[in-house]
Amino acid sequence: MDAARDVPVSSSGDGRAPGDAQGRPPDRYIQLVVGWPERPAAKVEAALRNSFLVATLMLRISGPGQGAPDQADERLIGLARATSDHAFNATIWDVLVDPEYQGQGLGKTLVEKIVRSLLRQDITNITLFADARVVDFYQNLGFAADPEGIKGMFWYPR
């Protein structure tokens, strides 16, 4: 599969939720969220719609002698998104790869594509939140934990 070379990226602003590159509903996105707390579909759709960038990896399946694959022959196998102030800062969220396709460099490809897209727009302060199990993955992509002693802070309702 050569999907890693061509990762569609869409920007917000067109009023549709980019559940995948064609703007289909977020149900496929929800299927990628393996082991995460359940997220309501309406909130997922709003999060995708309000994202600054969404990168998707689609698996296109076509049999011998078939023409161009139709929508039924496509499957979302990866997604990453970023929010931004459109000037200085962006945060990468929800880097997801279907477990069947993990370990092939697809997550790395998604992150690199988002980072390149942000840098092309002169957004250079790029952050993300990482589960403890994947900190090494992001450090290998150039992210630093607690750079210069900076700590992420969280507010939770009491």
N, C-alpha and C. Protein backbone atom coordinates (compact mmCIF):
# COMPACT_ATOMS: atom_id res chain seq x y z
N MET A 1 0.84 -1.17 0.00
CA MET A 1 0.00 0.00 0.00
C MET A 1 0.88 1.23 0.00
N ASP A 2 0.57 2.17 -0.86
CA ASP A 2 1.37 3.37 -0.98
C ASP A 2 0.61 4.58 -0.46
N ALA A 3 -0.31 4.36 0.47
CA ALA A 3 -1.14 5.45 0.98
C ALA A 3 -0.31 6.50 1.69
N ALA A 4 0.84 6.12 2.23
CA ALA A 4 1.64 7.05 3.00
C ALA A 4 2.14 8.22 2.15
N ARG A 5 2.18 8.09 0.86
CA ARG A 5 2.68 9.15 0.01
C ARG A 5 1.62 10.21 -0.31
N ASP A 6 0.36 9.86 -0.23
CA ASP A 6 -0.70 10.78 -0.63
C ASP A 6 -1.74 10.87 0.47
N VAL A 7 -1.51 11.77 1.42
CA VAL A 7 -2.41 11.94 2.54
C VAL A 7 -3.25 13.18 2.29
N PRO A 8 -4.57 13.01 2.02
CA PRO A 8 -5.41 14.19 1.83
C PRO A 8 -5.49 15.01 3.11
N VAL A 9 -5.36 16.31 2.98
CA VAL A 9 -5.52 17.22 4.11
C VAL A 9 -6.57 18.23 3.73
N SER A 10 -7.54 18.43 4.61
CA SER A 10 -8.55 19.45 4.36
C SER A 10 -8.48 20.48 5.47
N SER A 11 -8.84 21.71 5.14
CA SER A 11 -8.89 22.78 6.12
C SER A 11 -10.33 23.07 6.46
N SER A 12 -10.53 23.67 7.63
CA SER A 12 -11.88 24.03 8.02
C SER A 12 -12.35 25.22 7.22
N GLY A 13 -13.62 25.53 7.34
CA GLY A 13 -14.14 26.72 6.71
C GLY A 13 -15.17 26.46 5.63
N ASP A 14 -15.34 25.19 5.22
CA ASP A 14 -16.31 24.93 4.17
C ASP A 14 -17.65 24.46 4.72
N GLY A 15 -17.77 24.40 6.04
CA GLY A 15 -19.05 24.08 6.65
C GLY A 15 -19.40 22.62 6.71
N ARG A 16 -18.51 21.74 6.29
CA ARG A 16 -18.82 20.31 6.37
C ARG A 16 -17.84 19.63 7.31
N ALA A 17 -18.27 18.58 7.91
CA ALA A 17 -17.41 17.85 8.84
C ALA A 17 -16.56 16.88 8.06
N PRO A 18 -15.25 17.05 8.05
CA PRO A 18 -14.41 16.15 7.28
C PRO A 18 -14.19 14.83 8.00
N GLY A 19 -15.23 14.00 8.09
CA GLY A 19 -15.09 12.68 8.70
C GLY A 19 -14.06 11.88 7.93
N ASP A 20 -13.92 12.14 6.67
CA ASP A 20 -12.82 11.66 5.85
C ASP A 20 -12.65 12.71 4.76
N ALA A 21 -11.81 12.47 3.81
CA ALA A 21 -11.47 13.49 2.82
C ALA A 21 -12.69 13.95 2.02
N GLN A 22 -13.71 13.10 1.92
CA GLN A 22 -14.90 13.46 1.15
C GLN A 22 -16.00 14.05 2.03
N GLY A 23 -15.73 14.25 3.32
CA GLY A 23 -16.72 14.85 4.19
C GLY A 23 -17.83 13.91 4.63
N ARG A 24 -17.59 12.62 4.55
CA ARG A 24 -18.61 11.67 4.98
C ARG A 24 -18.74 11.71 6.50
N PRO A 25 -19.81 11.17 7.04
CA PRO A 25 -20.08 11.25 8.48
C PRO A 25 -18.95 10.66 9.32
N PRO A 26 -18.91 11.04 10.60
CA PRO A 26 -17.80 10.64 11.45
C PRO A 26 -17.88 9.21 11.95
N ASP A 27 -18.83 8.39 11.47
CA ASP A 27 -18.93 7.03 11.99
C ASP A 27 -17.66 6.25 11.75
N ARG A 28 -17.01 6.47 10.62
CA ARG A 28 -15.75 5.77 10.35
C ARG A 28 -14.67 6.25 11.31
N TYR A 29 -14.69 7.52 11.64
CA TYR A 29 -13.75 8.07 12.61
C TYR A 29 -13.94 7.37 13.95
N ILE A 30 -15.19 7.25 14.36
CA ILE A 30 -15.48 6.63 15.65
C ILE A 30 -14.96 5.20 15.68
N GLN A 31 -15.03 4.49 14.56
CA GLN A 31 -14.54 3.11 14.50
C GLN A 31 -13.04 3.03 14.76
N LEU A 32 -12.30 4.11 14.47
CA LEU A 32 -10.85 4.10 14.70
C LEU A 32 -10.49 4.32 16.16
N VAL A 33 -11.41 4.84 16.94
CA VAL A 33 -11.13 5.20 18.32
C VAL A 33 -11.23 3.93 19.17
N VAL A 34 -10.22 3.11 19.07
CA VAL A 34 -10.19 1.83 19.76
C VAL A 34 -9.66 2.02 21.17
N GLY A 35 -10.43 1.60 22.16
CA GLY A 35 -9.98 1.69 23.54
C GLY A 35 -10.13 3.07 24.16
N TRP A 36 -10.73 4.01 23.47
CA TRP A 36 -10.95 5.35 24.03
C TRP A 36 -12.35 5.40 24.62
N PRO A 37 -12.59 6.35 25.54
CA PRO A 37 -13.96 6.51 26.03
C PRO A 37 -14.90 6.85 24.87
N GLU A 38 -16.14 6.41 24.99
CA GLU A 38 -17.12 6.65 23.93
C GLU A 38 -17.33 8.15 23.74
N ARG A 39 -17.39 8.56 22.50
CA ARG A 39 -17.62 9.96 22.16
C ARG A 39 -18.92 10.08 21.39
N PRO A 40 -19.81 10.99 21.78
CA PRO A 40 -21.07 11.16 21.05
C PRO A 40 -20.81 11.62 19.62
N ALA A 41 -21.54 11.05 18.67
CA ALA A 41 -21.33 11.35 17.25
C ALA A 41 -21.46 12.84 16.96
N ALA A 42 -22.41 13.52 17.58
CA ALA A 42 -22.59 14.95 17.32
C ALA A 42 -21.37 15.75 17.75
N LYS A 43 -20.76 15.36 18.86
CA LYS A 43 -19.55 16.06 19.32
C LYS A 43 -18.37 15.75 18.42
N VAL A 44 -18.27 14.51 17.96
CA VAL A 44 -17.20 14.15 17.04
C VAL A 44 -17.33 14.97 15.76
N GLU A 45 -18.55 15.06 15.24
CA GLU A 45 -18.77 15.84 14.02
C GLU A 45 -18.39 17.30 14.24
N ALA A 46 -18.77 17.87 15.38
CA ALA A 46 -18.42 19.27 15.67
C ALA A 46 -16.91 19.44 15.79
N ALA A 47 -16.24 18.50 16.45
CA ALA A 47 -14.78 18.59 16.59
C ALA A 47 -14.10 18.56 15.23
N LEU A 48 -14.55 17.68 14.36
CA LEU A 48 -13.96 17.60 13.02
C LEU A 48 -14.26 18.86 12.21
N ARG A 49 -15.50 19.32 12.28
CA ARG A 49 -15.90 20.51 11.52
C ARG A 49 -15.11 21.74 11.96
N ASN A 50 -14.81 21.84 13.25
CA ASN A 50 -14.13 23.01 13.79
C ASN A 50 -12.61 22.87 13.82
N SER A 51 -12.10 21.77 13.33
CA SER A 51 -10.65 21.60 13.26
C SER A 51 -10.06 22.49 12.18
N PHE A 52 -8.84 22.92 12.40
CA PHE A 52 -8.12 23.75 11.43
C PHE A 52 -7.66 22.89 10.25
N LEU A 53 -7.12 21.72 10.55
CA LEU A 53 -6.68 20.76 9.53
C LEU A 53 -7.13 19.37 9.92
N VAL A 54 -7.47 18.58 8.92
CA VAL A 54 -7.76 17.16 9.12
C VAL A 54 -7.03 16.40 8.03
N ALA A 55 -6.19 15.45 8.43
CA ALA A 55 -5.50 14.58 7.46
C ALA A 55 -6.11 13.19 7.57
N THR A 56 -6.39 12.58 6.43
CA THR A 56 -6.98 11.25 6.42
C THR A 56 -6.17 10.31 5.54
N LEU A 57 -6.21 9.05 5.90
CA LEU A 57 -5.65 7.98 5.07
C LEU A 57 -6.80 7.06 4.68
N MET A 58 -7.02 6.93 3.39
CA MET A 58 -8.09 6.08 2.89
C MET A 58 -7.48 4.87 2.19
N LEU A 59 -8.00 3.70 2.47
CA LEU A 59 -7.62 2.49 1.76
C LEU A 59 -8.62 2.33 0.62
N ARG A 60 -8.12 2.34 -0.59
CA ARG A 60 -8.98 2.16 -1.77
C ARG A 60 -8.78 0.74 -2.29
N ILE A 61 -9.88 0.03 -2.39
CA ILE A 61 -9.83 -1.37 -2.80
C ILE A 61 -10.52 -1.50 -4.15
N SER A 62 -9.80 -2.07 -5.11
CA SER A 62 -10.42 -2.35 -6.41
C SER A 62 -9.96 -3.72 -6.87
N GLY A 63 -10.89 -4.44 -7.46
CA GLY A 63 -10.59 -5.78 -7.94
C GLY A 63 -10.06 -5.74 -9.35
N PRO A 64 -9.59 -6.88 -9.86
CA PRO A 64 -9.07 -6.95 -11.22
C PRO A 64 -10.14 -6.56 -12.23
N GLY A 65 -9.77 -5.71 -13.16
CA GLY A 65 -10.66 -5.32 -14.23
C GLY A 65 -11.69 -4.28 -13.86
N GLN A 66 -11.65 -3.80 -12.63
CA GLN A 66 -12.60 -2.77 -12.22
C GLN A 66 -12.03 -1.40 -12.52
N GLY A 67 -12.92 -0.47 -12.73
CA GLY A 67 -12.51 0.91 -12.96
C GLY A 67 -12.16 1.59 -11.64
N ALA A 68 -12.34 2.89 -11.63
CA ALA A 68 -12.06 3.65 -10.41
C ALA A 68 -12.96 3.17 -9.28
N PRO A 69 -12.40 3.04 -8.09
CA PRO A 69 -13.22 2.58 -6.97
C PRO A 69 -14.27 3.62 -6.60
N ASP A 70 -15.45 3.14 -6.21
CA ASP A 70 -16.47 4.07 -5.74
C ASP A 70 -16.37 4.19 -4.22
N GLN A 71 -17.26 4.95 -3.63
CA GLN A 71 -17.18 5.18 -2.20
C GLN A 71 -17.28 3.90 -1.39
N ALA A 72 -17.98 2.90 -1.89
CA ALA A 72 -18.12 1.65 -1.16
C ALA A 72 -16.80 0.89 -1.10
N ASP A 73 -15.86 1.24 -1.98
CA ASP A 73 -14.57 0.57 -2.03
C ASP A 73 -13.50 1.32 -1.24
N GLU A 74 -13.90 2.29 -0.44
CA GLU A 74 -12.94 3.05 0.35
C GLU A 74 -13.19 2.81 1.83
N ARG A 75 -12.11 2.85 2.58
CA ARG A 75 -12.21 2.67 4.02
C ARG A 75 -11.24 3.61 4.71
N LEU A 76 -11.72 4.37 5.68
CA LEU A 76 -10.86 5.24 6.46
C LEU A 76 -9.99 4.38 7.36
N ILE A 77 -8.67 4.49 7.22
CA ILE A 77 -7.77 3.70 8.07
C ILE A 77 -6.88 4.58 8.94
N GLY A 78 -6.93 5.90 8.73
CA GLY A 78 -6.14 6.78 9.56
C GLY A 78 -6.64 8.19 9.51
N LEU A 79 -6.42 8.92 10.61
CA LEU A 79 -6.88 10.30 10.68
C LEU A 79 -6.07 11.02 11.75
N ALA A 80 -5.77 12.27 11.49
CA ALA A 80 -5.19 13.17 12.50
C ALA A 80 -5.79 14.54 12.26
N ARG A 81 -5.91 15.32 13.31
CA ARG A 81 -6.47 16.66 13.14
C ARG A 81 -5.71 17.64 14.00
N ALA A 82 -5.83 18.93 13.65
CA ALA A 82 -5.19 19.99 14.42
C ALA A 82 -6.16 21.15 14.57
N THR A 83 -6.10 21.78 15.73
CA THR A 83 -6.81 23.04 15.95
C THR A 83 -5.75 24.14 15.98
N SER A 84 -6.18 25.38 15.75
CA SER A 84 -5.20 26.46 15.66
C SER A 84 -5.84 27.82 15.89
N ASP A 85 -4.99 28.80 16.24
CA ASP A 85 -5.42 30.19 16.28
C ASP A 85 -5.22 30.85 14.93
N HIS A 86 -4.77 30.09 13.94
CA HIS A 86 -4.56 30.53 12.56
C HIS A 86 -3.40 31.51 12.41
N ALA A 87 -2.58 31.66 13.43
CA ALA A 87 -1.48 32.62 13.35
C ALA A 87 -0.18 32.06 13.92
N PHE A 88 -0.20 31.68 15.19
CA PHE A 88 1.03 31.25 15.86
C PHE A 88 1.01 29.80 16.31
N ASN A 89 -0.11 29.35 16.84
CA ASN A 89 -0.18 28.10 17.59
C ASN A 89 -1.12 27.08 16.96
N ALA A 90 -0.75 25.81 17.12
CA ALA A 90 -1.63 24.72 16.71
C ALA A 90 -1.41 23.55 17.66
N THR A 91 -2.45 22.77 17.84
CA THR A 91 -2.36 21.56 18.64
C THR A 91 -2.87 20.39 17.81
N ILE A 92 -2.08 19.34 17.77
CA ILE A 92 -2.46 18.11 17.05
C ILE A 92 -3.25 17.23 18.01
N TRP A 93 -4.36 16.71 17.51
CA TRP A 93 -5.25 15.86 18.30
C TRP A 93 -5.55 14.58 17.52
N ASP A 94 -5.92 13.56 18.25
CA ASP A 94 -6.55 12.37 17.68
C ASP A 94 -5.79 11.77 16.50
N VAL A 95 -4.54 11.42 16.71
CA VAL A 95 -3.80 10.70 15.68
C VAL A 95 -4.24 9.24 15.80
N LEU A 96 -4.99 8.79 14.79
CA LEU A 96 -5.62 7.47 14.84
C LEU A 96 -5.25 6.65 13.62
N VAL A 97 -4.87 5.41 13.84
CA VAL A 97 -4.63 4.47 12.75
C VAL A 97 -5.34 3.17 13.11
N ASP A 98 -6.10 2.64 12.17
CA ASP A 98 -6.79 1.37 12.36
C ASP A 98 -5.77 0.35 12.87
N PRO A 99 -6.08 -0.36 13.95
CA PRO A 99 -5.12 -1.33 14.50
C PRO A 99 -4.59 -2.33 13.48
N GLU A 100 -5.39 -2.66 12.48
CA GLU A 100 -4.96 -3.60 11.44
C GLU A 100 -3.79 -3.05 10.62
N TYR A 101 -3.63 -1.72 10.59
CA TYR A 101 -2.61 -1.08 9.76
C TYR A 101 -1.53 -0.38 10.58
N GLN A 102 -1.55 -0.55 11.90
CA GLN A 102 -0.52 0.06 12.73
C GLN A 102 0.82 -0.65 12.51
N GLY A 103 1.90 0.07 12.80
CA GLY A 103 3.24 -0.49 12.65
C GLY A 103 3.78 -0.38 11.24
N GLN A 104 3.10 0.37 10.36
CA GLN A 104 3.54 0.53 8.97
C GLN A 104 4.00 1.96 8.67
N GLY A 105 4.12 2.79 9.70
CA GLY A 105 4.56 4.16 9.49
C GLY A 105 3.45 5.12 9.11
N LEU A 106 2.20 4.68 9.19
CA LEU A 106 1.09 5.53 8.77
C LEU A 106 0.82 6.65 9.78
N GLY A 107 0.93 6.37 11.06
CA GLY A 107 0.77 7.42 12.07
C GLY A 107 1.84 8.48 11.90
N LYS A 108 3.06 8.04 11.66
CA LYS A 108 4.16 8.97 11.41
C LYS A 108 3.85 9.84 10.20
N THR A 109 3.34 9.23 9.15
CA THR A 109 3.00 9.96 7.94
C THR A 109 1.93 11.01 8.22
N LEU A 110 0.91 10.65 8.98
CA LEU A 110 -0.14 11.61 9.31
C LEU A 110 0.41 12.80 10.08
N VAL A 111 1.23 12.53 11.10
CA VAL A 111 1.79 13.62 11.91
C VAL A 111 2.69 14.50 11.06
N GLU A 112 3.55 13.88 10.25
CA GLU A 112 4.45 14.67 9.40
C GLU A 112 3.67 15.53 8.42
N LYS A 113 2.59 15.01 7.87
CA LYS A 113 1.78 15.78 6.93
C LYS A 113 1.13 16.98 7.62
N ILE A 114 0.58 16.77 8.80
CA ILE A 114 -0.02 17.88 9.55
C ILE A 114 1.04 18.93 9.87
N VAL A 115 2.20 18.49 10.36
CA VAL A 115 3.27 19.44 10.71
C VAL A 115 3.70 20.24 9.48
N ARG A 116 3.93 19.56 8.36
CA ARG A 116 4.33 20.29 7.13
C ARG A 116 3.26 21.29 6.70
N SER A 117 2.00 20.89 6.78
CA SER A 117 0.92 21.80 6.40
C SER A 117 0.89 23.02 7.31
N LEU A 118 1.09 22.83 8.60
CA LEU A 118 1.12 23.95 9.54
C LEU A 118 2.31 24.86 9.27
N LEU A 119 3.47 24.27 9.05
CA LEU A 119 4.67 25.08 8.79
C LEU A 119 4.52 25.90 7.51
N ARG A 120 3.88 25.33 6.48
CA ARG A 120 3.64 26.08 5.24
C ARG A 120 2.78 27.31 5.49
N GLN A 121 1.99 27.27 6.54
CA GLN A 121 1.14 28.41 6.89
C GLN A 121 1.79 29.28 7.97
N ASP A 122 3.08 29.06 8.19
CA ASP A 122 3.89 29.83 9.14
C ASP A 122 3.39 29.69 10.58
N ILE A 123 2.80 28.55 10.89
CA ILE A 123 2.41 28.23 12.26
C ILE A 123 3.51 27.32 12.80
N THR A 124 4.30 27.85 13.74
CA THR A 124 5.50 27.13 14.16
C THR A 124 5.47 26.64 15.61
N ASN A 125 4.51 27.06 16.40
CA ASN A 125 4.38 26.56 17.77
C ASN A 125 3.34 25.44 17.75
N ILE A 126 3.83 24.21 17.60
CA ILE A 126 2.95 23.05 17.41
C ILE A 126 3.06 22.16 18.65
N THR A 127 1.92 21.90 19.26
CA THR A 127 1.88 21.08 20.47
C THR A 127 0.98 19.87 20.24
N LEU A 128 1.06 18.92 21.16
CA LEU A 128 0.13 17.80 21.16
C LEU A 128 0.10 17.20 22.54
N PHE A 129 -0.90 16.42 22.81
CA PHE A 129 -1.01 15.69 24.05
C PHE A 129 -0.86 14.21 23.71
N ALA A 130 0.02 13.53 24.44
CA ALA A 130 0.32 12.13 24.12
C ALA A 130 0.07 11.24 25.33
N ASP A 131 -0.57 10.14 25.09
CA ASP A 131 -0.69 9.09 26.09
C ASP A 131 0.72 8.63 26.44
N ALA A 132 0.95 8.27 27.69
CA ALA A 132 2.29 7.86 28.13
C ALA A 132 2.87 6.74 27.28
N ARG A 133 2.01 5.89 26.71
CA ARG A 133 2.50 4.76 25.91
C ARG A 133 3.09 5.17 24.57
N VAL A 134 2.81 6.40 24.11
CA VAL A 134 3.28 6.81 22.78
C VAL A 134 4.21 8.02 22.82
N VAL A 135 4.71 8.39 24.00
CA VAL A 135 5.62 9.53 24.10
C VAL A 135 6.86 9.31 23.23
N ASP A 136 7.44 8.13 23.28
CA ASP A 136 8.63 7.85 22.46
C ASP A 136 8.35 8.04 20.97
N PHE A 137 7.18 7.61 20.52
CA PHE A 137 6.78 7.77 19.12
C PHE A 137 6.87 9.24 18.72
N TYR A 138 6.30 10.12 19.53
CA TYR A 138 6.30 11.55 19.20
C TYR A 138 7.69 12.17 19.37
N GLN A 139 8.45 11.72 20.35
CA GLN A 139 9.81 12.24 20.50
C GLN A 139 10.65 11.89 19.27
N ASN A 140 10.45 10.72 18.69
CA ASN A 140 11.16 10.33 17.48
C ASN A 140 10.77 11.19 16.28
N LEU A 141 9.63 11.88 16.37
CA LEU A 141 9.19 12.78 15.31
C LEU A 141 9.59 14.23 15.58
N GLY A 142 10.35 14.46 16.66
CA GLY A 142 10.85 15.80 16.95
C GLY A 142 10.13 16.54 18.05
N PHE A 143 9.11 15.95 18.64
CA PHE A 143 8.41 16.61 19.74
C PHE A 143 9.19 16.39 21.04
N ALA A 144 9.16 17.38 21.92
CA ALA A 144 9.87 17.30 23.19
C ALA A 144 8.87 17.37 24.34
N ALA A 145 9.09 16.51 25.33
CA ALA A 145 8.26 16.56 26.54
C ALA A 145 8.80 17.66 27.44
N ASP A 146 7.94 18.52 27.90
CA ASP A 146 8.31 19.60 28.82
C ASP A 146 9.52 20.41 28.35
N PRO A 147 9.48 20.97 27.13
CA PRO A 147 10.63 21.76 26.67
C PRO A 147 10.85 22.97 27.58
N GLU A 148 12.08 23.16 27.97
CA GLU A 148 12.47 24.29 28.82
C GLU A 148 11.62 24.36 30.09
N GLY A 149 11.19 23.21 30.59
CA GLY A 149 10.42 23.16 31.83
C GLY A 149 8.97 23.56 31.70
N ILE A 150 8.50 23.79 30.47
CA ILE A 150 7.10 24.17 30.26
C ILE A 150 6.21 22.97 30.59
N LYS A 151 5.18 23.21 31.35
CA LYS A 151 4.25 22.14 31.73
C LYS A 151 2.86 22.45 31.20
N GLY A 152 2.20 21.45 30.66
CA GLY A 152 0.80 21.60 30.29
C GLY A 152 -0.04 21.66 31.55
N MET A 153 -1.02 22.48 31.56
CA MET A 153 -1.90 22.62 32.72
C MET A 153 -3.33 22.27 32.29
N PHE A 154 -4.06 21.68 33.18
CA PHE A 154 -5.42 21.25 32.88
C PHE A 154 -6.37 21.75 33.95
N TRP A 155 -7.57 22.10 33.56
CA TRP A 155 -8.62 22.46 34.50
C TRP A 155 -9.71 21.43 34.40
N TYR A 156 -10.12 20.90 35.52
CA TYR A 156 -11.21 19.93 35.56
C TYR A 156 -12.30 20.45 36.49
N PRO A 157 -13.56 20.27 36.13
CA PRO A 157 -14.64 20.70 37.05
C PRO A 157 -14.59 19.89 38.34
N ARG A 158 -14.92 20.55 39.43
CA ARG A 158 -14.88 19.86 40.74
C ARG A 158 -16.24 19.38 41.13
